[in-house]
């Protein structure tokens, strides 16, 4: 027994050591460059400058106009609705068009809103125009939110499927135990009860996944 414990401990230590060596090989430390070699290859110190041709936070303002509306509030609401549609089209194909972007992230894109009244023969109508930032920073945050929702949805579906499997196993186990306890006198009723439990859980799972 003691020999077995020693072998297990040695094996565990070997696994830990092997994992450490692999991790070190994946992330090697910084290499030291000899000063003479550095001067040979780089005889003159050159100032390093980073040229940013396009920043992730650089604004890209677009104008989003709503439809002509009878009131000021309706004009703003319609412009906001049009902004949501433009955002979904903008995120395609990285994001499914059926996904509704979070209102907070879409509202964060709004730089300003203008409402222009126009006099008609039948009264005053309004058209709202939103200045929205379609920069890469907002796109990244929206795509990350979409991926988080997809991962959460997949996790919930997997949990529901596992729950259904557990219900089936519990129904079968309960049926076997009850059948043995009753010595087969209520086999038909027990089968019906087990089938009803599995069917009910299947209906619940279908409604959840639909």
N, C-alpha and C. Protein backbone atom coordinates (compact mmCIF):
# COMPACT_ATOMS: atom_id res chain seq x y z
N UNK A 1 0.83 -1.21 0.00
CA UNK A 1 0.00 0.00 0.00
C UNK A 1 0.86 1.26 0.00
N UNK A 2 1.93 1.22 0.83
CA UNK A 2 2.82 2.39 0.89
C UNK A 2 3.52 2.59 -0.45
N UNK A 3 3.91 1.47 -1.07
CA UNK A 3 4.58 1.58 -2.38
C UNK A 3 3.64 2.19 -3.42
N UNK A 4 2.37 1.78 -3.37
CA UNK A 4 1.40 2.34 -4.30
C UNK A 4 1.21 3.83 -4.09
N UNK A 5 1.16 4.25 -2.82
CA UNK A 5 1.01 5.68 -2.53
C UNK A 5 2.22 6.46 -3.03
N UNK A 6 3.41 5.89 -2.85
CA UNK A 6 4.61 6.58 -3.33
C UNK A 6 4.59 6.72 -4.84
N UNK A 7 4.17 5.65 -5.53
CA UNK A 7 4.11 5.72 -6.99
C UNK A 7 3.09 6.76 -7.45
N UNK A 8 1.95 6.82 -6.75
CA UNK A 8 0.95 7.83 -7.11
C UNK A 8 1.48 9.24 -6.90
N UNK A 9 2.17 9.45 -5.78
CA UNK A 9 2.74 10.78 -5.51
C UNK A 9 3.80 11.14 -6.54
N UNK A 10 4.64 10.15 -6.90
CA UNK A 10 5.66 10.43 -7.91
C UNK A 10 5.03 10.74 -9.26
N UNK A 11 4.00 9.98 -9.60
CA UNK A 11 3.31 10.26 -10.86
C UNK A 11 2.68 11.63 -10.88
N UNK A 12 2.07 12.04 -9.76
CA UNK A 12 1.47 13.37 -9.67
C UNK A 12 2.52 14.46 -9.79
N UNK A 13 3.67 14.24 -9.11
CA UNK A 13 4.75 15.23 -9.20
C UNK A 13 5.28 15.33 -10.62
N UNK A 14 5.37 14.18 -11.31
CA UNK A 14 5.85 14.20 -12.69
C UNK A 14 4.88 14.95 -13.60
N UNK A 15 3.57 14.76 -13.38
CA UNK A 15 2.59 15.49 -14.18
C UNK A 15 2.67 16.98 -13.95
N UNK A 16 2.84 17.38 -12.68
CA UNK A 16 2.96 18.81 -12.37
C UNK A 16 4.20 19.39 -13.02
N UNK A 17 5.33 18.65 -12.94
CA UNK A 17 6.57 19.13 -13.54
C UNK A 17 6.44 19.23 -15.06
N UNK A 18 5.80 18.23 -15.67
CA UNK A 18 5.61 18.27 -17.11
C UNK A 18 4.73 19.43 -17.53
N UNK A 19 3.68 19.70 -16.76
CA UNK A 19 2.83 20.84 -17.07
C UNK A 19 3.57 22.16 -16.94
N UNK A 20 4.44 22.26 -15.93
CA UNK A 20 5.23 23.48 -15.76
C UNK A 20 6.18 23.70 -16.91
N UNK A 21 6.82 22.60 -17.36
CA UNK A 21 7.76 22.72 -18.48
C UNK A 21 7.04 23.12 -19.76
N UNK A 22 5.86 22.54 -19.99
CA UNK A 22 5.10 22.90 -21.18
C UNK A 22 4.67 24.35 -21.15
N UNK A 23 4.23 24.82 -19.97
CA UNK A 23 3.80 26.21 -19.86
C UNK A 23 4.96 27.15 -20.09
N UNK A 24 6.14 26.77 -19.58
CA UNK A 24 7.31 27.62 -19.79
C UNK A 24 7.73 27.65 -21.25
N UNK A 25 7.59 26.50 -21.92
CA UNK A 25 7.95 26.47 -23.34
C UNK A 25 6.98 27.26 -24.20
N UNK A 26 5.71 27.33 -23.76
CA UNK A 26 4.73 28.12 -24.52
C UNK A 26 4.94 29.61 -24.33
N UNK A 27 5.39 30.00 -23.17
CA UNK A 27 5.58 31.42 -22.86
C UNK A 27 7.03 31.64 -22.45
N UNK A 28 7.95 31.61 -23.38
CA UNK A 28 9.35 31.80 -23.03
C UNK A 28 9.60 33.21 -22.56
N UNK A 29 10.60 33.35 -21.71
CA UNK A 29 10.95 34.65 -21.17
C UNK A 29 11.61 35.52 -22.21
N UNK A 30 11.77 36.80 -21.92
CA UNK A 30 12.39 37.70 -22.89
C UNK A 30 13.86 37.37 -23.09
N UNK A 31 14.29 37.38 -24.33
CA UNK A 31 15.68 37.09 -24.64
C UNK A 31 16.54 38.32 -24.42
N UNK A 32 17.72 38.06 -23.88
CA UNK A 32 18.66 39.15 -23.66
C UNK A 32 19.55 39.30 -24.89
N UNK A 33 19.65 40.48 -25.38
CA UNK A 33 20.46 40.76 -26.55
C UNK A 33 21.76 41.39 -26.10
N UNK A 34 22.85 40.82 -26.55
CA UNK A 34 24.15 41.35 -26.19
C UNK A 34 24.29 42.78 -26.71
N UNK A 35 24.89 43.64 -25.88
CA UNK A 35 24.99 45.05 -26.23
C UNK A 35 25.82 45.26 -27.48
N UNK A 36 26.92 44.47 -27.64
CA UNK A 36 27.76 44.64 -28.83
C UNK A 36 27.01 44.22 -30.09
N UNK A 37 26.24 43.13 -30.00
CA UNK A 37 25.47 42.71 -31.16
C UNK A 37 24.40 43.73 -31.50
N UNK A 38 23.80 44.30 -30.47
CA UNK A 38 22.77 45.29 -30.73
C UNK A 38 23.35 46.49 -31.45
N UNK A 39 24.53 46.90 -31.03
CA UNK A 39 25.16 48.05 -31.68
C UNK A 39 25.60 47.71 -33.10
N UNK A 40 25.97 46.43 -33.32
CA UNK A 40 26.39 46.04 -34.66
C UNK A 40 25.22 46.08 -35.64
N UNK A 41 24.09 45.62 -35.17
CA UNK A 41 22.92 45.62 -36.06
C UNK A 41 22.23 46.97 -36.09
N UNK A 42 22.29 47.70 -34.97
CA UNK A 42 21.64 49.01 -34.88
C UNK A 42 22.69 50.04 -34.49
N UNK A 43 23.48 50.50 -35.45
CA UNK A 43 24.57 51.43 -35.12
C UNK A 43 24.06 52.76 -34.59
N UNK A 44 22.91 53.15 -34.93
CA UNK A 44 22.38 54.43 -34.50
C UNK A 44 21.05 54.19 -33.82
N UNK A 45 20.89 54.89 -32.72
CA UNK A 45 19.61 54.78 -32.02
C UNK A 45 18.55 55.54 -32.81
N UNK A 46 17.55 54.83 -33.21
CA UNK A 46 16.49 55.41 -34.01
C UNK A 46 15.26 55.54 -33.13
N UNK A 47 14.68 56.70 -33.15
CA UNK A 47 13.47 56.93 -32.37
C UNK A 47 12.32 56.13 -32.97
N UNK A 48 11.71 55.34 -32.13
CA UNK A 48 10.59 54.52 -32.58
C UNK A 48 9.30 55.31 -32.47
N UNK A 49 8.60 55.37 -33.56
CA UNK A 49 7.34 56.08 -33.58
C UNK A 49 6.24 55.12 -34.05
N UNK A 50 5.16 55.19 -33.37
CA UNK A 50 4.00 54.37 -33.73
C UNK A 50 3.04 55.21 -34.54
N UNK A 51 2.81 54.76 -35.75
CA UNK A 51 1.90 55.47 -36.64
C UNK A 51 0.57 54.74 -36.64
N UNK A 52 -0.45 55.40 -36.19
CA UNK A 52 -1.77 54.81 -36.12
C UNK A 52 -2.61 55.35 -37.28
N UNK A 53 -2.79 54.47 -38.24
CA UNK A 53 -3.58 54.88 -39.40
C UNK A 53 -5.07 54.89 -39.10
N UNK A 54 -5.48 53.99 -38.17
CA UNK A 54 -6.91 53.92 -37.84
C UNK A 54 -7.03 53.45 -36.40
N UNK A 55 -7.55 54.27 -35.57
CA UNK A 55 -7.71 53.92 -34.16
C UNK A 55 -9.06 53.27 -33.95
N UNK A 56 -9.07 52.34 -32.99
CA UNK A 56 -10.33 51.67 -32.68
C UNK A 56 -11.35 52.63 -32.10
N UNK A 57 -10.86 53.70 -31.46
CA UNK A 57 -11.76 54.67 -30.85
C UNK A 57 -12.02 55.87 -31.74
N UNK A 58 -11.50 55.86 -32.97
CA UNK A 58 -11.72 56.99 -33.86
C UNK A 58 -13.19 57.05 -34.26
N UNK A 59 -13.83 58.18 -34.08
CA UNK A 59 -15.26 58.26 -34.40
C UNK A 59 -15.51 58.20 -35.91
N UNK A 60 -16.59 57.58 -36.25
CA UNK A 60 -17.05 57.53 -37.64
C UNK A 60 -18.53 57.89 -37.63
N UNK A 61 -18.78 59.17 -37.66
CA UNK A 61 -20.14 59.68 -37.47
C UNK A 61 -20.93 59.56 -38.76
N UNK A 62 -22.11 58.99 -38.64
CA UNK A 62 -23.04 58.88 -39.76
C UNK A 62 -24.37 59.52 -39.36
N UNK A 63 -25.07 59.98 -40.35
CA UNK A 63 -26.38 60.59 -40.12
C UNK A 63 -27.47 59.56 -40.39
N UNK A 64 -28.33 59.40 -39.42
CA UNK A 64 -29.45 58.46 -39.53
C UNK A 64 -30.74 59.26 -39.42
N UNK A 65 -31.51 59.26 -40.48
CA UNK A 65 -32.73 60.06 -40.53
C UNK A 65 -33.95 59.16 -40.38
N UNK A 66 -34.89 59.63 -39.60
CA UNK A 66 -36.16 58.93 -39.45
C UNK A 66 -37.17 59.39 -40.48
N UNK A 67 -38.34 58.84 -40.39
CA UNK A 67 -39.40 59.22 -41.31
C UNK A 67 -40.12 60.49 -40.84
N UNK A 68 -40.81 61.09 -41.74
CA UNK A 68 -41.59 62.28 -41.39
C UNK A 68 -42.69 61.88 -40.43
N UNK A 69 -42.79 62.61 -39.32
CA UNK A 69 -43.75 62.27 -38.27
C UNK A 69 -44.60 63.47 -37.92
N UNK A 70 -45.72 63.18 -37.29
CA UNK A 70 -46.66 64.25 -36.96
C UNK A 70 -46.26 65.00 -35.71
N UNK A 71 -45.51 64.35 -34.81
CA UNK A 71 -45.12 65.01 -33.56
C UNK A 71 -43.62 64.92 -33.37
N UNK A 72 -43.13 65.71 -32.45
CA UNK A 72 -41.70 65.74 -32.17
C UNK A 72 -41.23 64.42 -31.57
N UNK A 73 -41.99 63.89 -30.62
CA UNK A 73 -41.58 62.64 -29.97
C UNK A 73 -41.58 61.47 -30.94
N UNK A 74 -42.57 61.42 -31.80
CA UNK A 74 -42.62 60.34 -32.78
C UNK A 74 -41.45 60.41 -33.75
N UNK A 75 -41.05 61.62 -34.09
CA UNK A 75 -39.90 61.78 -34.99
C UNK A 75 -38.63 61.23 -34.34
N UNK A 76 -38.43 61.52 -33.05
CA UNK A 76 -37.26 61.00 -32.34
C UNK A 76 -37.31 59.48 -32.22
N UNK A 77 -38.49 58.96 -31.90
CA UNK A 77 -38.62 57.51 -31.77
C UNK A 77 -38.36 56.79 -33.10
N UNK A 78 -38.82 57.37 -34.18
CA UNK A 78 -38.61 56.74 -35.47
C UNK A 78 -37.15 56.79 -35.89
N UNK A 79 -36.47 57.89 -35.58
CA UNK A 79 -35.04 57.97 -35.88
C UNK A 79 -34.27 56.94 -35.06
N UNK A 80 -34.68 56.76 -33.80
CA UNK A 80 -34.02 55.75 -32.95
C UNK A 80 -34.28 54.34 -33.48
N UNK A 81 -35.48 54.10 -33.97
CA UNK A 81 -35.79 52.80 -34.56
C UNK A 81 -34.94 52.55 -35.80
N UNK A 82 -34.79 53.57 -36.63
CA UNK A 82 -33.98 53.44 -37.84
C UNK A 82 -32.52 53.21 -37.48
N UNK A 83 -32.06 53.82 -36.40
CA UNK A 83 -30.68 53.59 -35.95
C UNK A 83 -30.48 52.13 -35.57
N UNK A 84 -31.45 51.54 -34.87
CA UNK A 84 -31.33 50.13 -34.52
C UNK A 84 -31.25 49.23 -35.74
N UNK A 85 -32.04 49.53 -36.76
CA UNK A 85 -31.99 48.73 -37.99
C UNK A 85 -30.64 48.90 -38.70
N UNK A 86 -30.14 50.13 -38.73
CA UNK A 86 -28.84 50.36 -39.36
C UNK A 86 -27.72 49.66 -38.61
N UNK A 87 -27.82 49.61 -37.29
CA UNK A 87 -26.79 48.93 -36.49
C UNK A 87 -26.80 47.43 -36.78
N UNK A 88 -27.98 46.83 -36.87
CA UNK A 88 -28.05 45.40 -37.18
C UNK A 88 -27.48 45.10 -38.57
N UNK A 89 -27.78 45.96 -39.54
CA UNK A 89 -27.22 45.76 -40.87
C UNK A 89 -25.71 45.99 -40.87
N UNK A 90 -25.25 46.90 -40.04
CA UNK A 90 -23.82 47.21 -39.95
C UNK A 90 -23.04 46.05 -39.35
N UNK A 91 -23.63 45.33 -38.42
CA UNK A 91 -22.95 44.23 -37.75
C UNK A 91 -22.95 42.94 -38.56
N UNK A 92 -23.75 42.87 -39.62
CA UNK A 92 -23.78 41.69 -40.48
C UNK A 92 -22.46 41.58 -41.25
N UNK A 93 -21.86 40.39 -41.41
CA UNK A 93 -22.37 39.06 -41.05
C UNK A 93 -21.86 38.53 -39.72
N UNK A 94 -21.13 39.33 -38.95
CA UNK A 94 -20.61 38.84 -37.68
C UNK A 94 -21.71 38.56 -36.67
N UNK A 95 -22.81 39.24 -36.81
CA UNK A 95 -23.91 39.13 -35.86
C UNK A 95 -25.18 38.76 -36.62
N UNK A 96 -25.96 37.87 -36.06
CA UNK A 96 -27.23 37.48 -36.69
C UNK A 96 -28.20 38.65 -36.70
N UNK A 97 -28.91 38.79 -37.79
CA UNK A 97 -29.84 39.91 -37.92
C UNK A 97 -31.02 39.80 -36.96
N UNK A 98 -31.28 38.60 -36.47
CA UNK A 98 -32.38 38.42 -35.51
C UNK A 98 -32.02 38.89 -34.11
N UNK A 99 -30.73 39.16 -33.86
CA UNK A 99 -30.29 39.59 -32.52
C UNK A 99 -30.61 41.06 -32.32
N UNK A 100 -31.18 41.37 -31.18
CA UNK A 100 -31.50 42.76 -30.84
C UNK A 100 -30.36 43.35 -30.01
N UNK A 101 -29.64 44.34 -30.52
CA UNK A 101 -28.54 44.93 -29.76
C UNK A 101 -29.05 45.57 -28.47
N UNK A 102 -28.27 45.53 -27.40
CA UNK A 102 -28.68 46.18 -26.15
C UNK A 102 -28.91 47.67 -26.36
N UNK A 103 -29.99 48.17 -25.79
CA UNK A 103 -30.35 49.58 -25.98
C UNK A 103 -29.26 50.50 -25.45
N UNK A 104 -28.62 50.10 -24.35
CA UNK A 104 -27.59 50.96 -23.76
C UNK A 104 -26.41 51.14 -24.71
N UNK A 105 -26.01 50.05 -25.39
CA UNK A 105 -24.88 50.15 -26.32
C UNK A 105 -25.24 50.96 -27.56
N UNK A 106 -26.47 50.83 -28.02
CA UNK A 106 -26.89 51.62 -29.19
C UNK A 106 -27.02 53.09 -28.81
N UNK A 107 -27.58 53.37 -27.63
CA UNK A 107 -27.69 54.77 -27.20
C UNK A 107 -26.33 55.42 -27.01
N UNK A 108 -25.32 54.61 -26.64
CA UNK A 108 -23.97 55.16 -26.46
C UNK A 108 -23.37 55.62 -27.78
N UNK A 109 -23.90 55.16 -28.90
CA UNK A 109 -23.41 55.58 -30.21
C UNK A 109 -23.93 56.95 -30.62
N UNK A 110 -24.98 57.42 -29.97
CA UNK A 110 -25.61 58.68 -30.36
C UNK A 110 -24.74 59.86 -29.94
N UNK A 111 -24.35 60.65 -30.91
CA UNK A 111 -23.58 61.87 -30.65
C UNK A 111 -24.48 63.09 -30.51
N UNK A 112 -25.61 63.05 -31.16
CA UNK A 112 -26.54 64.17 -31.10
C UNK A 112 -27.76 63.87 -31.94
N UNK A 113 -28.80 64.64 -31.72
CA UNK A 113 -30.04 64.47 -32.47
C UNK A 113 -30.61 65.84 -32.80
N UNK A 114 -31.07 65.96 -34.03
CA UNK A 114 -31.65 67.22 -34.49
C UNK A 114 -33.04 66.93 -35.06
N UNK A 115 -33.94 67.81 -34.76
CA UNK A 115 -35.31 67.68 -35.27
C UNK A 115 -35.64 68.92 -36.09
N UNK A 116 -36.00 68.69 -37.33
CA UNK A 116 -36.31 69.80 -38.24
C UNK A 116 -37.82 69.84 -38.49
N UNK A 117 -38.48 70.92 -38.07
CA UNK A 117 -39.92 71.06 -38.37
C UNK A 117 -40.12 71.55 -39.80
N UNK A 118 -41.22 71.17 -40.37
CA UNK A 118 -41.55 71.59 -41.73
C UNK A 118 -43.04 71.88 -41.81
N UNK A 119 -43.33 73.05 -42.31
CA UNK A 119 -44.72 73.47 -42.40
C UNK A 119 -45.36 72.90 -43.67
N UNK A 120 -46.50 72.26 -43.48
CA UNK A 120 -47.29 71.74 -44.59
C UNK A 120 -48.68 72.39 -44.57
N UNK A 121 -49.43 72.13 -45.61
CA UNK A 121 -50.78 72.69 -45.68
C UNK A 121 -51.67 72.14 -44.57
N UNK A 122 -51.41 70.90 -44.18
CA UNK A 122 -52.23 70.26 -43.15
C UNK A 122 -51.64 70.39 -41.75
N UNK A 123 -50.50 71.08 -41.62
CA UNK A 123 -49.92 71.28 -40.31
C UNK A 123 -48.41 71.13 -40.33
N UNK A 124 -47.83 71.08 -39.15
CA UNK A 124 -46.38 70.98 -38.99
C UNK A 124 -45.98 69.51 -38.83
N UNK A 125 -44.97 69.10 -39.59
CA UNK A 125 -44.42 67.75 -39.48
C UNK A 125 -42.96 67.86 -39.07
N UNK A 126 -42.42 66.75 -38.56
CA UNK A 126 -41.07 66.77 -38.00
C UNK A 126 -40.26 65.60 -38.57
N UNK A 127 -38.99 65.87 -38.76
CA UNK A 127 -38.04 64.84 -39.20
C UNK A 127 -36.81 64.91 -38.29
N UNK A 128 -36.49 63.79 -37.66
CA UNK A 128 -35.35 63.73 -36.74
C UNK A 128 -34.16 63.09 -37.43
N UNK A 129 -32.99 63.63 -37.16
CA UNK A 129 -31.74 63.11 -37.70
C UNK A 129 -30.79 62.86 -36.53
N UNK A 130 -30.27 61.65 -36.43
CA UNK A 130 -29.34 61.28 -35.36
C UNK A 130 -27.94 61.22 -35.92
N UNK A 131 -27.00 61.85 -35.22
CA UNK A 131 -25.58 61.71 -35.52
C UNK A 131 -25.05 60.56 -34.66
N UNK A 132 -24.74 59.44 -35.29
CA UNK A 132 -24.32 58.23 -34.56
C UNK A 132 -22.88 57.87 -34.92
N UNK A 133 -22.15 57.41 -33.92
CA UNK A 133 -20.76 57.01 -34.10
C UNK A 133 -20.71 55.53 -34.45
N UNK A 134 -20.34 55.22 -35.67
CA UNK A 134 -20.21 53.84 -36.13
C UNK A 134 -18.73 53.42 -36.13
N UNK A 135 -17.99 53.87 -35.14
CA UNK A 135 -16.57 53.54 -35.06
C UNK A 135 -16.33 52.09 -34.68
N UNK A 136 -15.06 51.66 -34.84
CA UNK A 136 -14.71 50.27 -34.57
C UNK A 136 -14.86 49.92 -33.09
N UNK A 137 -14.69 50.90 -32.21
CA UNK A 137 -14.84 50.62 -30.79
C UNK A 137 -16.24 50.17 -30.43
N UNK A 138 -17.24 50.87 -30.96
CA UNK A 138 -18.63 50.48 -30.71
C UNK A 138 -18.94 49.13 -31.35
N UNK A 139 -18.38 48.88 -32.50
CA UNK A 139 -18.62 47.59 -33.16
C UNK A 139 -18.07 46.45 -32.32
N UNK A 140 -16.88 46.64 -31.77
CA UNK A 140 -16.27 45.60 -30.94
C UNK A 140 -17.12 45.31 -29.71
N UNK A 141 -17.61 46.36 -29.06
CA UNK A 141 -18.43 46.15 -27.87
C UNK A 141 -19.75 45.44 -28.21
N UNK A 142 -20.34 45.77 -29.33
CA UNK A 142 -21.58 45.12 -29.73
C UNK A 142 -21.35 43.65 -30.09
N UNK A 143 -20.28 43.37 -30.81
CA UNK A 143 -19.97 41.98 -31.17
C UNK A 143 -19.68 41.16 -29.92
N UNK A 144 -18.96 41.74 -28.96
CA UNK A 144 -18.69 41.03 -27.71
C UNK A 144 -19.98 40.74 -26.95
N UNK A 145 -20.90 41.69 -26.95
CA UNK A 145 -22.19 41.46 -26.29
C UNK A 145 -22.96 40.35 -26.98
N UNK A 146 -22.91 40.31 -28.30
CA UNK A 146 -23.59 39.25 -29.04
C UNK A 146 -22.99 37.88 -28.72
N UNK A 147 -21.68 37.81 -28.70
CA UNK A 147 -21.03 36.53 -28.40
C UNK A 147 -21.34 36.08 -26.98
N UNK A 148 -21.43 37.03 -26.05
CA UNK A 148 -21.81 36.67 -24.69
C UNK A 148 -23.22 36.11 -24.63
N UNK A 149 -24.13 36.72 -25.37
CA UNK A 149 -25.51 36.21 -25.40
C UNK A 149 -25.58 34.82 -26.03
N UNK A 150 -24.80 34.60 -27.09
CA UNK A 150 -24.80 33.29 -27.74
C UNK A 150 -24.24 32.23 -26.80
N UNK A 151 -23.15 32.55 -26.11
CA UNK A 151 -22.57 31.59 -25.17
C UNK A 151 -23.53 31.28 -24.03
N UNK A 152 -24.22 32.31 -23.54
CA UNK A 152 -25.19 32.10 -22.45
C UNK A 152 -26.36 31.24 -22.93
N UNK A 153 -26.80 31.48 -24.16
CA UNK A 153 -27.92 30.70 -24.70
C UNK A 153 -27.52 29.24 -24.88
N UNK A 154 -26.32 29.01 -25.37
CA UNK A 154 -25.86 27.63 -25.54
C UNK A 154 -25.72 26.92 -24.20
N UNK A 155 -25.24 27.64 -23.20
CA UNK A 155 -25.10 27.03 -21.87
C UNK A 155 -26.46 26.64 -21.30
N UNK A 156 -27.45 27.52 -21.47
CA UNK A 156 -28.79 27.21 -20.97
C UNK A 156 -29.39 26.01 -21.71
N UNK A 157 -29.18 25.94 -23.01
CA UNK A 157 -29.72 24.81 -23.78
C UNK A 157 -29.04 23.51 -23.37
N UNK A 158 -27.73 23.57 -23.14
CA UNK A 158 -27.03 22.37 -22.70
C UNK A 158 -27.51 21.93 -21.33
N UNK A 159 -27.72 22.89 -20.43
CA UNK A 159 -28.23 22.56 -19.10
C UNK A 159 -29.63 21.95 -19.19
N UNK A 160 -30.46 22.48 -20.09
CA UNK A 160 -31.81 21.92 -20.26
C UNK A 160 -31.75 20.50 -20.80
N UNK A 161 -30.85 20.25 -21.76
CA UNK A 161 -30.72 18.90 -22.30
C UNK A 161 -30.23 17.92 -21.24
N UNK A 162 -29.26 18.35 -20.43
CA UNK A 162 -28.78 17.49 -19.35
C UNK A 162 -29.88 17.24 -18.33
N UNK A 163 -30.68 18.27 -18.06
CA UNK A 163 -31.80 18.09 -17.14
C UNK A 163 -32.80 17.07 -17.66
N UNK A 164 -33.05 17.10 -18.97
CA UNK A 164 -33.97 16.12 -19.57
C UNK A 164 -33.42 14.71 -19.44
N UNK A 165 -32.12 14.56 -19.67
CA UNK A 165 -31.50 13.24 -19.52
C UNK A 165 -31.62 12.75 -18.09
N UNK A 166 -31.38 13.65 -17.13
CA UNK A 166 -31.50 13.25 -15.72
C UNK A 166 -32.93 12.86 -15.38
N UNK A 167 -33.90 13.57 -15.93
CA UNK A 167 -35.30 13.20 -15.68
C UNK A 167 -35.60 11.82 -16.24
N UNK A 168 -35.10 11.54 -17.43
CA UNK A 168 -35.31 10.21 -18.02
C UNK A 168 -34.68 9.12 -17.17
N UNK A 169 -33.45 9.35 -16.72
CA UNK A 169 -32.79 8.36 -15.87
C UNK A 169 -33.52 8.18 -14.56
N UNK A 170 -33.99 9.29 -13.98
CA UNK A 170 -34.73 9.19 -12.73
C UNK A 170 -36.04 8.44 -12.92
N UNK A 171 -36.70 8.67 -14.05
CA UNK A 171 -37.96 7.97 -14.31
C UNK A 171 -37.74 6.47 -14.48
N UNK A 172 -36.69 6.10 -15.20
CA UNK A 172 -36.39 4.68 -15.39
C UNK A 172 -36.01 4.03 -14.06
N UNK A 173 -35.16 4.73 -13.30
CA UNK A 173 -34.75 4.19 -12.00
C UNK A 173 -35.93 4.05 -11.05
N UNK A 174 -36.79 5.07 -11.03
CA UNK A 174 -37.97 4.99 -10.17
C UNK A 174 -38.92 3.89 -10.59
N UNK A 175 -39.05 3.70 -11.89
CA UNK A 175 -39.93 2.63 -12.38
C UNK A 175 -39.40 1.26 -11.96
N UNK A 176 -38.10 1.06 -12.11
CA UNK A 176 -37.52 -0.24 -11.76
C UNK A 176 -37.68 -0.52 -10.27
N UNK A 177 -37.37 0.48 -9.44
CA UNK A 177 -37.49 0.28 -8.00
C UNK A 177 -38.95 0.03 -7.59
N UNK A 178 -39.85 0.83 -8.13
CA UNK A 178 -41.26 0.64 -7.77
C UNK A 178 -41.79 -0.70 -8.27
N UNK A 179 -41.36 -1.12 -9.44
CA UNK A 179 -41.81 -2.40 -9.97
C UNK A 179 -41.31 -3.56 -9.11
N UNK A 180 -40.05 -3.43 -8.65
CA UNK A 180 -39.53 -4.48 -7.77
C UNK A 180 -40.23 -4.47 -6.43
N UNK A 181 -40.54 -3.26 -5.92
CA UNK A 181 -41.20 -3.19 -4.61
C UNK A 181 -42.62 -3.74 -4.66
N UNK A 182 -43.30 -3.53 -5.76
CA UNK A 182 -44.69 -4.02 -5.89
C UNK A 182 -44.77 -5.41 -6.51
N UNK A 183 -43.59 -5.99 -6.83
CA UNK A 183 -43.52 -7.35 -7.38
C UNK A 183 -44.29 -7.49 -8.69
N UNK A 184 -44.32 -6.44 -9.45
CA UNK A 184 -44.91 -6.49 -10.78
C UNK A 184 -46.41 -6.39 -10.85
N UNK A 185 -47.05 -6.07 -9.72
CA UNK A 185 -48.51 -5.96 -9.74
C UNK A 185 -49.00 -4.71 -10.47
N UNK A 186 -48.17 -3.66 -10.46
CA UNK A 186 -48.59 -2.38 -11.06
C UNK A 186 -47.65 -1.98 -12.20
N UNK A 187 -47.20 -2.96 -12.95
CA UNK A 187 -46.23 -2.69 -14.02
C UNK A 187 -46.79 -1.74 -15.07
N UNK A 188 -48.01 -1.97 -15.49
CA UNK A 188 -48.60 -1.12 -16.53
C UNK A 188 -48.76 0.31 -16.05
N UNK A 189 -49.24 0.47 -14.83
CA UNK A 189 -49.42 1.83 -14.30
C UNK A 189 -48.08 2.54 -14.10
N UNK A 190 -47.11 1.78 -13.63
CA UNK A 190 -45.78 2.39 -13.43
C UNK A 190 -45.16 2.81 -14.76
N UNK A 191 -45.33 1.98 -15.76
CA UNK A 191 -44.82 2.36 -17.09
C UNK A 191 -45.51 3.62 -17.61
N UNK A 192 -46.81 3.69 -17.39
CA UNK A 192 -47.55 4.87 -17.82
C UNK A 192 -47.09 6.12 -17.08
N UNK A 193 -46.85 5.99 -15.78
CA UNK A 193 -46.37 7.14 -15.00
C UNK A 193 -44.99 7.58 -15.45
N UNK A 194 -44.09 6.62 -15.71
CA UNK A 194 -42.74 6.96 -16.18
C UNK A 194 -42.79 7.62 -17.55
N UNK A 195 -43.63 7.08 -18.44
CA UNK A 195 -43.76 7.68 -19.77
C UNK A 195 -44.34 9.09 -19.69
N UNK A 196 -45.29 9.30 -18.77
CA UNK A 196 -45.87 10.63 -18.61
C UNK A 196 -44.83 11.63 -18.10
N UNK A 197 -43.98 11.19 -17.16
CA UNK A 197 -42.94 12.07 -16.63
C UNK A 197 -41.94 12.45 -17.72
N UNK A 198 -41.54 11.46 -18.51
CA UNK A 198 -40.59 11.74 -19.60
C UNK A 198 -41.24 12.64 -20.65
N UNK A 199 -42.50 12.37 -20.98
CA UNK A 199 -43.18 13.20 -21.97
C UNK A 199 -43.36 14.63 -21.52
N UNK A 200 -43.71 14.81 -20.24
CA UNK A 200 -43.88 16.17 -19.72
C UNK A 200 -42.56 16.94 -19.74
N UNK A 201 -41.48 16.27 -19.34
CA UNK A 201 -40.18 16.94 -19.37
C UNK A 201 -39.75 17.25 -20.81
N UNK A 202 -40.12 16.36 -21.75
CA UNK A 202 -39.81 16.63 -23.15
C UNK A 202 -40.55 17.83 -23.69
N UNK A 203 -41.82 17.98 -23.29
CA UNK A 203 -42.60 19.15 -23.72
C UNK A 203 -42.01 20.43 -23.16
N UNK A 204 -41.62 20.38 -21.88
CA UNK A 204 -41.01 21.56 -21.26
C UNK A 204 -39.71 21.92 -21.96
N UNK A 205 -38.90 20.91 -22.28
CA UNK A 205 -37.63 21.16 -22.97
C UNK A 205 -37.88 21.75 -24.36
N UNK A 206 -38.88 21.24 -25.08
CA UNK A 206 -39.18 21.76 -26.42
C UNK A 206 -39.62 23.21 -26.36
N UNK A 207 -40.47 23.54 -25.39
CA UNK A 207 -40.91 24.93 -25.26
C UNK A 207 -39.76 25.85 -24.87
N UNK A 208 -38.83 25.32 -24.09
CA UNK A 208 -37.68 26.13 -23.68
C UNK A 208 -36.74 26.40 -24.85
N UNK A 209 -36.53 25.38 -25.68
CA UNK A 209 -35.60 25.53 -26.80
C UNK A 209 -36.23 26.24 -27.99
N UNK A 210 -37.55 26.25 -28.08
CA UNK A 210 -38.21 26.87 -29.23
C UNK A 210 -38.09 28.38 -29.18
